């Protein structure tokens, strides 16, 4: 039973690291896009730029960055 708890904790830790990495990639994408185009990208463009298909996921990451 202890192993299962450890697996869940490892998943949560990996998920947190992955989310932080994704938000970092999003921020860098937004900065580059803004410099190149002079205006910010849409949620769809951000998702395409960092490999997220769901604009809802993009918005959740944006909300976390702004919190």
N, C-alpha and C. Protein backbone atom coordinates (compact mmCIF):
# COMPACT_ATOMS: atom_id res chain seq x y z
N UNK A 1 0.83 -1.20 0.00
CA UNK A 1 0.00 0.00 0.00
C UNK A 1 0.87 1.26 0.00
N UNK A 2 2.00 1.19 0.66
CA UNK A 2 2.89 2.34 0.71
C UNK A 2 3.39 2.73 -0.68
N UNK A 3 3.66 1.71 -1.51
CA UNK A 3 4.13 1.97 -2.86
C UNK A 3 3.12 2.79 -3.66
N UNK A 4 1.85 2.48 -3.51
CA UNK A 4 0.82 3.21 -4.23
C UNK A 4 0.82 4.68 -3.83
N UNK A 5 0.95 4.97 -2.55
CA UNK A 5 1.02 6.34 -2.08
C UNK A 5 2.24 7.06 -2.63
N UNK A 6 3.35 6.34 -2.71
CA UNK A 6 4.57 6.93 -3.28
C UNK A 6 4.38 7.22 -4.76
N UNK A 7 3.70 6.31 -5.49
CA UNK A 7 3.44 6.52 -6.91
C UNK A 7 2.58 7.76 -7.13
N UNK A 8 1.58 7.95 -6.28
CA UNK A 8 0.71 9.12 -6.40
C UNK A 8 1.52 10.39 -6.14
N UNK A 9 2.37 10.38 -5.14
CA UNK A 9 3.18 11.55 -4.82
C UNK A 9 4.15 11.85 -5.97
N UNK A 10 4.75 10.81 -6.52
CA UNK A 10 5.65 11.00 -7.65
C UNK A 10 4.90 11.61 -8.83
N UNK A 11 3.69 11.12 -9.10
CA UNK A 11 2.87 11.67 -10.17
C UNK A 11 2.58 13.15 -9.93
N UNK A 12 2.19 13.49 -8.70
CA UNK A 12 1.88 14.89 -8.37
C UNK A 12 3.12 15.77 -8.53
N UNK A 13 4.27 15.29 -8.08
CA UNK A 13 5.50 16.06 -8.21
C UNK A 13 5.87 16.24 -9.68
N UNK A 14 5.78 15.17 -10.46
CA UNK A 14 6.08 15.25 -11.89
C UNK A 14 5.11 16.17 -12.60
N UNK A 15 3.85 16.10 -12.23
CA UNK A 15 2.84 16.95 -12.83
C UNK A 15 3.11 18.42 -12.52
N UNK A 16 3.52 18.72 -11.30
CA UNK A 16 3.84 20.09 -10.90
C UNK A 16 5.02 20.61 -11.71
N UNK A 17 6.07 19.80 -11.83
CA UNK A 17 7.25 20.20 -12.60
C UNK A 17 6.87 20.42 -14.06
N UNK A 18 6.06 19.51 -14.60
CA UNK A 18 5.62 19.63 -15.98
C UNK A 18 4.82 20.91 -16.19
N UNK A 19 3.92 21.22 -15.26
CA UNK A 19 3.12 22.44 -15.36
C UNK A 19 3.98 23.69 -15.29
N UNK A 20 4.98 23.68 -14.43
CA UNK A 20 5.89 24.83 -14.32
C UNK A 20 6.68 25.00 -15.61
N UNK A 21 7.12 23.89 -16.18
CA UNK A 21 7.87 23.93 -17.45
C UNK A 21 6.98 24.48 -18.56
N UNK A 22 5.73 24.01 -18.61
CA UNK A 22 4.79 24.48 -19.64
C UNK A 22 4.55 25.98 -19.50
N UNK A 23 4.36 26.44 -18.27
CA UNK A 23 4.14 27.88 -18.07
C UNK A 23 5.37 28.69 -18.46
N UNK A 24 6.55 28.16 -18.20
CA UNK A 24 7.77 28.83 -18.63
C UNK A 24 7.86 28.91 -20.15
N UNK A 25 7.50 27.81 -20.81
CA UNK A 25 7.49 27.79 -22.27
C UNK A 25 6.46 28.77 -22.82
N UNK A 26 5.31 28.83 -22.17
CA UNK A 26 4.26 29.76 -22.60
C UNK A 26 4.74 31.20 -22.48
N UNK A 27 5.36 31.52 -21.37
CA UNK A 27 5.83 32.89 -21.15
C UNK A 27 6.86 33.27 -22.22
N UNK A 28 7.79 32.37 -22.50
CA UNK A 28 8.79 32.64 -23.52
C UNK A 28 8.15 32.78 -24.90
N UNK A 29 7.18 31.94 -25.20
CA UNK A 29 6.47 32.03 -26.48
C UNK A 29 5.75 33.37 -26.60
N UNK A 30 5.07 33.78 -25.54
CA UNK A 30 4.34 35.06 -25.57
C UNK A 30 5.30 36.22 -25.78
N UNK A 31 6.43 36.20 -25.07
CA UNK A 31 7.43 37.27 -25.24
C UNK A 31 7.94 37.34 -26.67
N UNK A 32 8.31 36.19 -27.23
CA UNK A 32 8.83 36.16 -28.60
C UNK A 32 7.77 36.61 -29.61
N UNK A 33 6.56 36.13 -29.42
CA UNK A 33 5.47 36.49 -30.33
C UNK A 33 5.22 38.00 -30.28
N UNK A 34 5.20 38.54 -29.08
CA UNK A 34 4.95 39.97 -28.90
C UNK A 34 6.04 40.80 -29.59
N UNK A 35 7.28 40.38 -29.45
CA UNK A 35 8.38 41.09 -30.11
C UNK A 35 8.27 41.03 -31.62
N UNK A 36 7.91 39.87 -32.15
CA UNK A 36 7.83 39.69 -33.60
C UNK A 36 6.62 40.37 -34.23
N UNK A 37 5.48 40.37 -33.52
CA UNK A 37 4.23 40.84 -34.13
C UNK A 37 3.74 42.18 -33.58
N UNK A 38 4.19 42.55 -32.40
CA UNK A 38 3.75 43.81 -31.82
C UNK A 38 2.43 43.72 -31.06
N UNK A 39 1.88 42.53 -30.98
CA UNK A 39 0.65 42.31 -30.21
C UNK A 39 0.71 40.88 -29.66
N UNK A 40 -0.04 40.60 -28.59
CA UNK A 40 0.05 39.27 -27.96
C UNK A 40 -0.67 38.20 -28.77
N UNK A 41 -0.25 36.95 -28.62
CA UNK A 41 -0.90 35.85 -29.33
C UNK A 41 -2.25 35.49 -28.70
N UNK A 42 -3.08 34.84 -29.50
CA UNK A 42 -4.35 34.32 -28.99
C UNK A 42 -4.08 33.07 -28.16
N UNK A 43 -5.08 32.63 -27.43
CA UNK A 43 -4.93 31.39 -26.66
C UNK A 43 -4.63 30.22 -27.59
N UNK A 44 -5.27 30.18 -28.74
CA UNK A 44 -5.03 29.12 -29.73
C UNK A 44 -3.58 29.15 -30.20
N UNK A 45 -3.07 30.33 -30.50
CA UNK A 45 -1.69 30.45 -30.95
C UNK A 45 -0.70 30.04 -29.86
N UNK A 46 -1.01 30.39 -28.61
CA UNK A 46 -0.15 29.97 -27.49
C UNK A 46 -0.15 28.45 -27.40
N UNK A 47 -1.33 27.85 -27.45
CA UNK A 47 -1.42 26.40 -27.39
C UNK A 47 -0.65 25.73 -28.51
N UNK A 48 -0.79 26.24 -29.71
CA UNK A 48 -0.06 25.69 -30.85
C UNK A 48 1.45 25.84 -30.64
N UNK A 49 1.85 26.95 -30.04
CA UNK A 49 3.27 27.23 -29.84
C UNK A 49 3.94 26.36 -28.79
N UNK A 50 3.16 25.86 -27.84
CA UNK A 50 3.74 25.05 -26.76
C UNK A 50 3.22 23.62 -26.73
N UNK A 51 2.39 23.26 -27.71
CA UNK A 51 1.93 21.88 -27.80
C UNK A 51 0.71 21.54 -26.96
N UNK A 52 -0.12 22.52 -26.66
CA UNK A 52 -1.38 22.26 -25.95
C UNK A 52 -2.52 22.39 -26.95
N UNK A 53 -3.41 21.41 -26.97
CA UNK A 53 -4.52 21.44 -27.92
C UNK A 53 -5.73 22.19 -27.39
N UNK A 54 -5.86 22.25 -26.08
CA UNK A 54 -7.05 22.84 -25.47
C UNK A 54 -6.80 24.29 -25.05
N UNK A 55 -7.64 25.19 -25.58
CA UNK A 55 -7.51 26.59 -25.15
C UNK A 55 -7.89 26.74 -23.68
N UNK A 56 -8.70 25.81 -23.18
CA UNK A 56 -9.04 25.82 -21.75
C UNK A 56 -7.79 25.55 -20.91
N UNK A 57 -6.96 24.61 -21.35
CA UNK A 57 -5.71 24.33 -20.64
C UNK A 57 -4.79 25.54 -20.67
N UNK A 58 -4.73 26.19 -21.83
CA UNK A 58 -3.92 27.41 -21.95
C UNK A 58 -4.41 28.44 -20.94
N UNK A 59 -5.72 28.64 -20.87
CA UNK A 59 -6.27 29.63 -19.94
C UNK A 59 -5.97 29.25 -18.49
N UNK A 60 -6.05 27.97 -18.15
CA UNK A 60 -5.74 27.55 -16.79
C UNK A 60 -4.29 27.88 -16.43
N UNK A 61 -3.38 27.66 -17.37
CA UNK A 61 -1.98 28.00 -17.11
C UNK A 61 -1.81 29.51 -16.98
N UNK A 62 -2.49 30.27 -17.81
CA UNK A 62 -2.42 31.74 -17.72
C UNK A 62 -2.93 32.18 -16.35
N UNK A 63 -4.05 31.62 -15.93
CA UNK A 63 -4.61 31.96 -14.62
C UNK A 63 -3.62 31.66 -13.51
N UNK A 64 -2.92 30.53 -13.59
CA UNK A 64 -1.92 30.18 -12.56
C UNK A 64 -0.77 31.18 -12.56
N UNK A 65 -0.36 31.63 -13.76
CA UNK A 65 0.74 32.60 -13.85
C UNK A 65 0.34 33.94 -13.26
N UNK A 66 -0.93 34.30 -13.39
CA UNK A 66 -1.39 35.60 -12.92
C UNK A 66 -1.79 35.60 -11.45
N UNK A 67 -1.90 34.42 -10.86
CA UNK A 67 -2.34 34.31 -9.45
C UNK A 67 -1.25 34.74 -8.50
